[in-house]
């Protein structure tokens, strides 16, 4: 009987070891995927900041051009004789 108990105990230990390895593998996969997600988010942030900065510069240029055109239209409206030849 002692022998049967020893085999049962060894089987239980083997099952526990297998479960431990499976848990470690699962945790390793989760950790790797979290790292990949983190790397993606860092790259996304950098790319987004660059693109937004470029768009901001273009909008600033367009705003300055629009202000200039508004002044020119205002001048032309106030002084139509400047454009009559």
Protein backbone atom coordinates (compact mmCIF):
# COMPACT_ATOMS: atom_id res chain seq x y z
CA UNK A 1 0.00 0.00 0.00
CA UNK A 2 2.82 2.37 0.71
CA UNK A 3 4.00 1.82 -2.80
CA UNK A 4 0.65 2.84 -4.32
CA UNK A 5 0.64 5.99 -2.24
CA UNK A 6 4.13 6.85 -3.47
CA UNK A 7 3.12 6.47 -7.10
CA UNK A 8 0.03 8.57 -6.53
CA UNK A 9 2.13 11.25 -4.88
CA UNK A 10 4.64 11.20 -7.76
CA UNK A 11 1.80 11.53 -10.27
CA UNK A 12 0.39 14.49 -8.35
CA UNK A 13 3.82 16.15 -8.32
CA UNK A 14 4.18 15.50 -12.06
CA UNK A 15 0.78 17.04 -12.73
CA UNK A 16 1.68 20.04 -10.58
CA UNK A 17 4.98 20.50 -12.42
CA UNK A 18 3.23 20.27 -15.80
CA UNK A 19 0.61 22.80 -14.69
CA UNK A 20 3.38 25.09 -13.43
CA UNK A 21 5.14 24.95 -16.81
CA UNK A 22 1.89 25.66 -18.63
CA UNK A 23 1.22 28.64 -16.38
CA UNK A 24 4.73 29.96 -16.92
CA UNK A 25 4.36 29.58 -20.68
CA UNK A 26 1.02 31.39 -20.59
CA UNK A 27 2.51 34.22 -18.53
CA UNK A 28 5.44 34.42 -20.93
CA UNK A 29 3.07 34.78 -23.91
CA UNK A 30 1.05 37.44 -22.11
CA UNK A 31 4.21 39.36 -21.19
CA UNK A 32 5.49 39.20 -24.76
CA UNK A 33 2.18 40.44 -26.15
CA UNK A 34 2.05 43.28 -23.63
CA UNK A 35 5.57 44.29 -24.67
CA UNK A 36 4.58 44.21 -28.34
CA UNK A 37 1.53 46.34 -27.59
CA UNK A 38 3.66 48.80 -25.63
CA UNK A 39 6.18 49.05 -28.50
CA UNK A 40 3.36 49.60 -30.98
CA UNK A 41 1.86 52.36 -28.85
CA UNK A 42 5.22 54.11 -28.54
CA UNK A 43 5.72 53.97 -32.31
CA UNK A 44 2.13 55.12 -32.91
CA UNK A 45 2.61 58.08 -30.57
CA UNK A 46 5.83 59.14 -32.28
CA UNK A 47 4.31 58.85 -35.75
CA UNK A 48 1.15 60.68 -34.71
CA UNK A 49 3.11 63.53 -33.11
CA UNK A 50 5.16 63.97 -36.28
CA UNK A 51 2.12 63.98 -38.53
CA UNK A 52 0.20 66.36 -36.28
CA UNK A 53 3.17 68.75 -36.16
CA UNK A 54 3.31 68.74 -39.96
CA UNK A 55 -0.43 69.40 -40.22
CA UNK A 56 -0.13 72.19 -37.68
CA UNK A 57 2.55 73.90 -39.78
CA UNK A 58 0.39 73.62 -42.89
CA UNK A 59 -2.62 75.06 -41.04
CA UNK A 60 -0.52 77.97 -39.76
CA UNK A 61 0.58 78.73 -43.33
CA UNK A 62 -3.00 78.57 -44.58
CA UNK A 63 -4.20 80.84 -41.76
CA UNK A 64 -1.56 83.45 -42.64
CA UNK A 65 -2.52 83.30 -46.32
CA UNK A 66 -6.20 83.66 -45.44
CA UNK A 67 -5.48 86.69 -43.25
CA UNK A 68 -3.53 88.28 -46.10
CA UNK A 69 -6.37 87.63 -48.54
CA UNK A 70 -8.90 89.07 -46.08
CA UNK A 71 -6.83 92.25 -45.82
CA UNK A 72 -6.53 92.47 -49.60
CA UNK A 73 -10.28 91.96 -50.09
CA UNK A 74 -11.02 94.52 -47.39
CA UNK A 75 -8.71 97.01 -49.07
CA UNK A 76 -10.25 96.36 -52.47
CA UNK A 77 -13.76 96.76 -51.08
CA UNK A 78 -12.92 99.99 -49.25
CA UNK A 79 -11.00 101.51 -52.16
CA UNK A 80 -12.40 100.24 -55.48
CA UNK A 81 -10.76 103.14 -57.28
CA UNK A 82 -7.35 101.49 -56.71
CA UNK A 83 -8.32 98.77 -59.14
CA UNK A 84 -9.92 100.96 -61.82
CA UNK A 85 -7.53 102.00 -64.53
